[in-house]
PDB file of N, CA and C in Angstrom:
ATOM      1  N   UNK A   1       0.742  -1.300  -0.177  1.00  0.00           N
ATOM      2  CA  UNK A   1      -0.137  -0.152  -0.074  1.00  0.00           C
ATOM      3  C   UNK A   1       0.946   1.339  -0.104  1.00  0.00           C
ATOM      4  N   UNK A   2       0.732   2.287  -0.972  1.00  0.00           N
ATOM      5  CA  UNK A   2       1.323   3.535  -0.803  1.00  0.00           C
ATOM      6  C   UNK A   2       1.428   4.263   0.516  1.00  0.00           C
ATOM      7  N   UNK A   3       2.162   4.776   0.974  1.00  0.00           N
ATOM      8  CA  UNK A   3       2.106   5.744   1.949  1.00  0.00           C
ATOM      9  C   UNK A   3       1.119   6.757   2.208  1.00  0.00           C
ATOM     10  N   UNK A   4       1.108   7.736   0.948  1.00  0.00           N
ATOM     11  CA  UNK A   4       0.157   8.276   0.810  1.00  0.00           C
ATOM     12  C   UNK A   4      -1.223   8.015   0.864  1.00  0.00           C
ATOM     13  N   UNK A   5      -1.663   6.735   0.143  1.00  0.00           N
ATOM     14  CA  UNK A   5      -2.805   5.918   0.741  1.00  0.00           C
ATOM     15  C   UNK A   5      -3.355   5.637   2.138  1.00  0.00           C
ATOM     16  N   UNK A   6      -1.946   5.185   2.710  1.00  0.00           N
ATOM     17  CA  UNK A   6      -2.441   4.723   3.962  1.00  0.00           C
ATOM     18  C   UNK A   6      -2.692   5.732   4.783  1.00  0.00           C
ATOM     19  N   UNK A   7      -1.867   7.120   4.847  1.00  0.00           N
ATOM     20  CA  UNK A   7      -1.958   8.323   5.419  1.00  0.00           C
ATOM     21  C   UNK A   7      -3.995   9.065   5.103  1.00  0.00           C
ATOM     22  N   UNK A   8      -4.399   8.646   4.175  1.00  0.00           N
ATOM     23  CA  UNK A   8      -5.769   8.831   4.192  1.00  0.00           C
ATOM     24  C   UNK A   8      -6.540   7.891   4.917  1.00  0.00           C
ATOM     25  N   UNK A   9      -6.341   6.762   4.723  1.00  0.00           N
ATOM     26  CA  UNK A   9      -7.283   5.404   5.518  1.00  0.00           C
ATOM     27  C   UNK A   9      -6.990   6.079   6.972  1.00  0.00           C
ATOM     28  N   UNK A  10      -5.477   6.393   7.532  1.00  0.00           N
ATOM     29  CA  UNK A  10      -5.530   6.544   8.829  1.00  0.00           C
ATOM     30  C   UNK A  10      -6.161   8.317   9.367  1.00  0.00           C
ATOM     31  N   UNK A  11      -6.174   9.064   8.465  1.00  0.00           N
ATOM     32  CA  UNK A  11      -6.510  10.318   8.821  1.00  0.00           C
ATOM     33  C   UNK A  11      -8.257  10.218   8.782  1.00  0.00           C
ATOM     34  N   UNK A  12      -8.603   9.306   7.920  1.00  0.00           N
ATOM     35  CA  UNK A  12     -10.244   8.935   7.618  1.00  0.00           C
ATOM     36  C   UNK A  12     -10.634   8.526   9.130  1.00  0.00           C
ATOM     37  N   UNK A  13     -10.069   7.456   9.519  1.00  0.00           N
ATOM     38  CA  UNK A  13     -10.511   6.855  10.813  1.00  0.00           C
ATOM     39  C   UNK A  13     -10.273   7.690  11.982  1.00  0.00           C
ATOM     40  N   UNK A  14      -9.309   8.494  11.881  1.00  0.00           N
ATOM     41  CA  UNK A  14      -8.832   9.187  13.084  1.00  0.00           C
ATOM     42  C   UNK A  14     -10.293  10.652  13.097  1.00  0.00           C
ATOM     43  N   UNK A  15     -10.440  10.632  11.932  1.00  0.00           N
ATOM     44  CA  UNK A  15     -11.761  11.867  11.749  1.00  0.00           C
ATOM     45  C   UNK A  15     -13.213  11.093  12.319  1.00  0.00           C
ATOM     46  N   UNK A  16     -13.237   9.833  12.062  1.00  0.00           N
ATOM     47  CA  UNK A  16     -14.564   9.162  12.542  1.00  0.00           C
ATOM     48  C   UNK A  16     -14.617   9.091  13.791  1.00  0.00           C
ATOM     49  N   UNK A  17     -13.463   8.839  14.684  1.00  0.00           N
ATOM     50  CA  UNK A  17     -13.363   9.018  15.892  1.00  0.00           C
ATOM     51  C   UNK A  17     -13.465  10.258  16.843  1.00  0.00           C
ATOM     52  N   UNK A  18     -12.711  11.535  16.022  1.00  0.00           N
ATOM     53  CA  UNK A  18     -13.031  12.963  16.683  1.00  0.00           C
ATOM     54  C   UNK A  18     -14.549  12.955  16.549  1.00  0.00           C
ATOM     55  N   UNK A  19     -15.149  12.734  15.469  1.00  0.00           N
ATOM     56  CA  UNK A  19     -16.710  13.175  15.157  1.00  0.00           C
ATOM     57  C   UNK A  19     -17.629  12.372  16.254  1.00  0.00           C
ATOM     58  N   UNK A  20     -17.425  11.138  16.279  1.00  0.00           N
ATOM     59  CA  UNK A  20     -18.133  10.242  17.412  1.00  0.00           C
ATOM     60  C   UNK A  20     -17.597  10.943  18.941  1.00  0.00           C
ATOM     61  N   UNK A  21     -16.693  11.044  19.088  1.00  0.00           N
ATOM     62  CA  UNK A  21     -16.415  11.762  20.418  1.00  0.00           C
ATOM     63  C   UNK A  21     -16.557  12.864  20.626  1.00  0.00           C
ATOM     64  N   UNK A  22     -16.799  14.055  19.771  1.00  0.00           N
ATOM     65  CA  UNK A  22     -17.306  15.024  19.761  1.00  0.00           C
ATOM     66  C   UNK A  22     -18.789  15.384  19.970  1.00  0.00           C
ATOM     67  N   UNK A  23     -19.596  14.296  19.201  1.00  0.00           N
ATOM     68  CA  UNK A  23     -20.971  14.031  19.346  1.00  0.00           C
ATOM     69  C   UNK A  23     -21.257  13.817  20.662  1.00  0.00           C
ATOM     70  N   UNK A  24     -20.588  12.979  21.301  1.00  0.00           N
ATOM     71  CA  UNK A  24     -20.922  12.342  22.822  1.00  0.00           C
ATOM     72  C   UNK A  24     -20.929  13.701  23.723  1.00  0.00           C
ATOM     73  N   UNK A  25     -19.673  14.656  23.380  1.00  0.00           N
ATOM     74  CA  UNK A  25     -19.341  15.726  24.255  1.00  0.00           C
ATOM     75  C   UNK A  25     -20.243  17.215  23.951  1.00  0.00           C
ATOM     76  N   UNK A  26     -20.846  16.962  22.967  1.00  0.00           N
ATOM     77  CA  UNK A  26     -21.841  18.029  22.151  1.00  0.00           C
ATOM     78  C   UNK A  26     -20.374  19.151  21.586  1.00  0.00           C
ATOM     79  N   UNK A  27     -19.488  18.820  21.016  1.00  0.00           N
ATOM     80  CA  UNK A  27     -18.532  19.406  20.408  1.00  0.00           C
ATOM     81  C   UNK A  27     -18.676  19.342  18.787  1.00  0.00           C
ATOM     82  N   UNK A  28     -17.776  20.295  18.064  1.00  0.00           N
ATOM     83  CA  UNK A  28     -17.753  20.355  16.845  1.00  0.00           C
ATOM     84  C   UNK A  28     -16.170  19.678  16.265  1.00  0.00           C
ATOM     85  N   UNK A  29     -16.697  19.275  14.842  1.00  0.00           N
ATOM     86  CA  UNK A  29     -15.442  19.101  14.095  1.00  0.00           C
ATOM     87  C   UNK A  29     -15.464  19.650  12.662  1.00  0.00           C
ATOM     88  N   UNK A  30     -14.388  19.386  12.089  1.00  0.00           N
ATOM     89  CA  UNK A  30     -14.514  20.153  10.460  1.00  0.00           C
ATOM     90  C   UNK A  30     -15.044  19.139   9.748  1.00  0.00           C
ATOM     91  N   UNK A  31     -15.629  19.872   8.730  1.00  0.00           N
ATOM     92  CA  UNK A  31     -16.193  18.730   8.065  1.00  0.00           C
ATOM     93  C   UNK A  31     -15.355  18.064   6.825  1.00  0.00           C
ATOM     94  N   UNK A  32     -14.470  18.696   6.137  1.00  0.00           N
ATOM     95  CA  UNK A  32     -13.597  18.315   5.203  1.00  0.00           C
ATOM     96  C   UNK A  32     -12.724  17.132   5.733  1.00  0.00           C
ATOM     97  N   UNK A  33     -12.071  16.354   4.619  1.00  0.00           N
ATOM     98  CA  UNK A  33     -11.171  15.509   4.865  1.00  0.00           C
ATOM     99  C   UNK A  33     -10.160  15.995   4.863  1.00  0.00           C
ATOM    100  N   UNK A  34      -9.010  15.610   5.449  1.00  0.00           N
ATOM    101  CA  UNK A  34      -7.827  15.578   5.640  1.00  0.00           C
ATOM    102  C   UNK A  34      -7.217  15.670   3.920  1.00  0.00           C
ATOM    103  N   UNK A  35      -7.685  14.636   3.418  1.00  0.00           N
ATOM    104  CA  UNK A  35      -6.908  14.572   1.640  1.00  0.00           C
ATOM    105  C   UNK A  35      -7.548  15.606   1.013  1.00  0.00           C
ATOM    106  N   UNK A  36      -8.820  16.393   1.321  1.00  0.00           N
ATOM    107  CA  UNK A  36      -9.143  17.382   0.677  1.00  0.00           C
ATOM    108  C   UNK A  36      -8.240  18.508   0.898  1.00  0.00           C
ATOM    109  N   UNK A  37      -7.887  18.933   2.447  1.00  0.00           N
ATOM    110  CA  UNK A  37      -7.375  19.767   2.861  1.00  0.00           C
ATOM    111  C   UNK A  37      -6.009  20.050   2.295  1.00  0.00           C
ATOM    112  N   UNK A  38      -5.254  18.571   2.116  1.00  0.00           N
ATOM    113  CA  UNK A  38      -4.118  18.646   1.772  1.00  0.00           C
ATOM    114  C   UNK A  38      -3.686  18.750   0.335  1.00  0.00           C
ATOM    115  N   UNK A  39      -5.130  18.469  -0.517  1.00  0.00           N
ATOM    116  CA  UNK A  39      -4.756  18.571  -1.965  1.00  0.00           C
ATOM    117  C   UNK A  39      -4.710  17.238  -2.486  1.00  0.00           C
ATOM    118  N   UNK A  40      -4.955  16.141  -1.799  1.00  0.00           N
ATOM    119  CA  UNK A  40      -4.234  14.815  -2.248  1.00  0.00           C
ATOM    120  C   UNK A  40      -5.511  14.355  -3.183  1.00  0.00           C
ATOM    121  N   UNK A  41      -6.738  15.050  -3.638  1.00  0.00           N
ATOM    122  CA  UNK A  41      -7.994  14.470  -4.355  1.00  0.00           C
ATOM    123  C   UNK A  41      -7.864  15.175  -5.478  1.00  0.00           C
ATOM    124  N   UNK A  42      -6.743  15.966  -6.196  1.00  0.00           N
ATOM    125  CA  UNK A  42      -6.526  16.526  -7.183  1.00  0.00           C
ATOM    126  C   UNK A  42      -7.462  17.605  -7.347  1.00  0.00           C
ATOM    127  N   UNK A  43      -7.277  18.366  -8.683  1.00  0.00           N
ATOM    128  CA  UNK A  43      -8.286  19.473  -8.764  1.00  0.00           C
ATOM    129  C   UNK A  43      -9.641  19.154  -8.678  1.00  0.00           C
ATOM    130  N   UNK A  44     -10.827  19.841  -8.194  1.00  0.00           N
ATOM    131  CA  UNK A  44     -12.055  19.706  -7.931  1.00  0.00           C
ATOM    132  C   UNK A  44     -12.586  19.425  -9.112  1.00  0.00           C
ATOM    133  N   UNK A  45     -13.616  18.269  -9.447  1.00  0.00           N
ATOM    134  CA  UNK A  45     -14.402  17.676 -10.494  1.00  0.00           C
ATOM    135  C   UNK A  45     -15.471  19.194 -10.876  1.00  0.00           C
ATOM    136  N   UNK A  46     -15.500  19.339 -12.305  1.00  0.00           N
ATOM    137  CA  UNK A  46     -16.615  20.409 -12.553  1.00  0.00           C
ATOM    138  C   UNK A  46     -17.758  19.677 -12.433  1.00  0.00           C
ATOM    139  N   UNK A  47     -18.812  20.629 -12.362  1.00  0.00           N
ATOM    140  CA  UNK A  47     -20.393  20.394 -11.868  1.00  0.00           C
ATOM    141  C   UNK A  47     -21.021  19.510 -13.258  1.00  0.00           C
ATOM    142  N   UNK A  48     -21.701  18.519 -13.185  1.00  0.00           N
ATOM    143  CA  UNK A  48     -22.375  17.826 -14.310  1.00  0.00           C
ATOM    144  C   UNK A  48     -23.527  18.738 -14.410  1.00  0.00           C
ATOM    145  N   UNK A  49     -23.638  19.460 -15.333  1.00  0.00           N
ATOM    146  CA  UNK A  49     -24.996  20.090 -15.605  1.00  0.00           C
ATOM    147  C   UNK A  49     -26.049  19.250 -16.677  1.00  0.00           C
ATOM    148  N   UNK A  50     -25.895  17.896 -16.900  1.00  0.00           N
ATOM    149  CA  UNK A  50     -26.475  17.615 -17.881  1.00  0.00           C
ATOM    150  C   UNK A  50     -28.086  17.057 -17.305  1.00  0.00           C
ATOM    151  N   UNK A  51     -28.760  16.896 -18.260  1.00  0.00           N
ATOM    152  CA  UNK A  51     -30.085  16.337 -17.853  1.00  0.00           C
ATOM    153  C   UNK A  51     -30.119  15.152 -17.465  1.00  0.00           C
ATOM    154  N   UNK A  52     -31.082  14.218 -16.797  1.00  0.00           N
ATOM    155  CA  UNK A  52     -30.977  12.965 -16.445  1.00  0.00           C
ATOM    156  C   UNK A  52     -31.143  12.306 -17.867  1.00  0.00           C
ATOM    157  N   UNK A  53     -31.849  12.587 -18.827  1.00  0.00           N
ATOM    158  CA  UNK A  53     -31.935  12.033 -19.978  1.00  0.00           C
ATOM    159  C   UNK A  53     -30.630  11.897 -20.994  1.00  0.00           C
ATOM    160  N   UNK A  54     -29.873  13.133 -20.784  1.00  0.00           N
ATOM    161  CA  UNK A  54     -28.328  12.926 -21.256  1.00  0.00           C
ATOM    162  C   UNK A  54     -27.710  11.948 -20.605  1.00  0.00           C
ATOM    163  N   UNK A  55     -27.674  11.725 -19.324  1.00  0.00           N
ATOM    164  CA  UNK A  55     -26.678  11.306 -18.562  1.00  0.00           C
ATOM    165  C   UNK A  55     -27.033   9.834 -18.837  1.00  0.00           C
ATOM    166  N   UNK A  56     -28.246   9.408 -19.002  1.00  0.00           N
ATOM    167  CA  UNK A  56     -28.687   8.098 -19.212  1.00  0.00           C
ATOM    168  C   UNK A  56     -28.592   7.610 -20.728  1.00  0.00           C
ATOM    169  N   UNK A  57     -28.528   8.296 -21.512  1.00  0.00           N
ATOM    170  CA  UNK A  57     -28.279   7.961 -22.849  1.00  0.00           C
ATOM    171  C   UNK A  57     -26.785   7.855 -23.105  1.00  0.00           C
ATOM    172  N   UNK A  58     -25.973   8.484 -22.396  1.00  0.00           N
ATOM    173  CA  UNK A  58     -24.843   8.326 -22.353  1.00  0.00           C
ATOM    174  C   UNK A  58     -24.029   7.110 -21.610  1.00  0.00           C
ATOM    175  N   UNK A  59     -24.363   6.755 -20.572  1.00  0.00           N
ATOM    176  CA  UNK A  59     -24.274   5.379 -19.775  1.00  0.00           C
ATOM    177  C   UNK A  59     -24.749   4.336 -20.997  1.00  0.00           C
ATOM    178  N   UNK A  60     -26.251   4.433 -21.475  1.00  0.00           N
ATOM    179  CA  UNK A  60     -26.385   3.457 -22.425  1.00  0.00           C
ATOM    180  C   UNK A  60     -25.471   3.477 -23.602  1.00  0.00           C
ATOM    181  N   UNK A  61     -25.186   4.588 -24.517  1.00  0.00           N
ATOM    182  CA  UNK A  61     -24.270   4.454 -25.325  1.00  0.00           C
ATOM    183  C   UNK A  61     -22.851   3.588 -25.341  1.00  0.00           C
ATOM    184  N   UNK A  62     -22.247   3.871 -23.960  1.00  0.00           N
ATOM    185  CA  UNK A  62     -20.949   3.598 -23.754  1.00  0.00           C
ATOM    186  C   UNK A  62     -21.382   1.961 -23.550  1.00  0.00           C
ATOM    187  N   UNK A  63     -22.348   1.671 -22.991  1.00  0.00           N
ATOM    188  CA  UNK A  63     -22.623   0.345 -22.975  1.00  0.00           C
ATOM    189  C   UNK A  63     -23.250  -0.771 -24.149  1.00  0.00           C
ATOM    190  N   UNK A  64     -23.467   0.154 -24.778  1.00  0.00           N
ATOM    191  CA  UNK A  64     -23.736  -0.723 -26.323  1.00  0.00           C
ATOM    192  C   UNK A  64     -25.575  -0.633 -26.419  1.00  0.00           C
ATOM    193  N   UNK A  65     -26.528  -0.154 -25.283  1.00  0.00           N
ATOM    194  CA  UNK A  65     -27.644  -0.386 -25.180  1.00  0.00           C
ATOM    195  C   UNK A  65     -28.789   0.512 -26.003  1.00  0.00           C
ATOM    196  N   UNK A  66     -29.651   0.361 -26.461  1.00  0.00           N
ATOM    197  CA  UNK A  66     -30.389   1.088 -26.753  1.00  0.00           C
ATOM    198  C   UNK A  66     -31.909   1.307 -25.973  1.00  0.00           C
ATOM    199  N   UNK A  67     -32.032   2.287 -25.529  1.00  0.00           N
ATOM    200  CA  UNK A  67     -32.948   2.712 -24.718  1.00  0.00           C
ATOM    201  C   UNK A  67     -34.727   3.084 -26.121  1.00  0.00           C
ATOM    202  N   UNK A  68     -35.459   2.596 -25.150  1.00  0.00           N
ATOM    203  CA  UNK A  68     -36.754   3.160 -26.035  1.00  0.00           C
ATOM    204  C   UNK A  68     -37.811   3.840 -24.817  1.00  0.00           C
ATOM    205  N   UNK A  69     -38.523   4.375 -25.177  1.00  0.00           N
ATOM    206  CA  UNK A  69     -39.621   5.092 -24.102  1.00  0.00           C
ATOM    207  C   UNK A  69     -40.340   3.943 -23.671  1.00  0.00           C
ATOM    208  N   UNK A  70     -40.620   2.784 -24.188  1.00  0.00           N
ATOM    209  CA  UNK A  70     -41.301   1.888 -23.360  1.00  0.00           C
ATOM    210  C   UNK A  70     -40.494   1.181 -22.168  1.00  0.00           C
ATOM    211  N   UNK A  71     -39.366   1.116 -22.261  1.00  0.00           N
ATOM    212  CA  UNK A  71     -38.304   1.088 -21.216  1.00  0.00           C
ATOM    213  C   UNK A  71     -38.537   2.148 -19.896  1.00  0.00           C
ATOM    214  N   UNK A  72     -38.776   3.083 -20.106  1.00  0.00           N
ATOM    215  CA  UNK A  72     -38.859   4.427 -19.170  1.00  0.00           C
ATOM    216  C   UNK A  72     -40.338   4.423 -18.355  1.00  0.00           C
TER     217      UNK A  72
END
């Protein structure tokens, strides 16, 4: 396992422990993951503004399926 991946798993586990402890004590925690704060997730993905029909058509096309209105 890569060291960077191990750090993400370790910090995610520590965050869950901290959140559970904070809930019991009535405290607060940060909502971002360490990987996001450290920039390990890469650049943010652009928003997908396609309609549901466009997404279905894209997935069906990649899978080689033909969708008719009878199936919807």
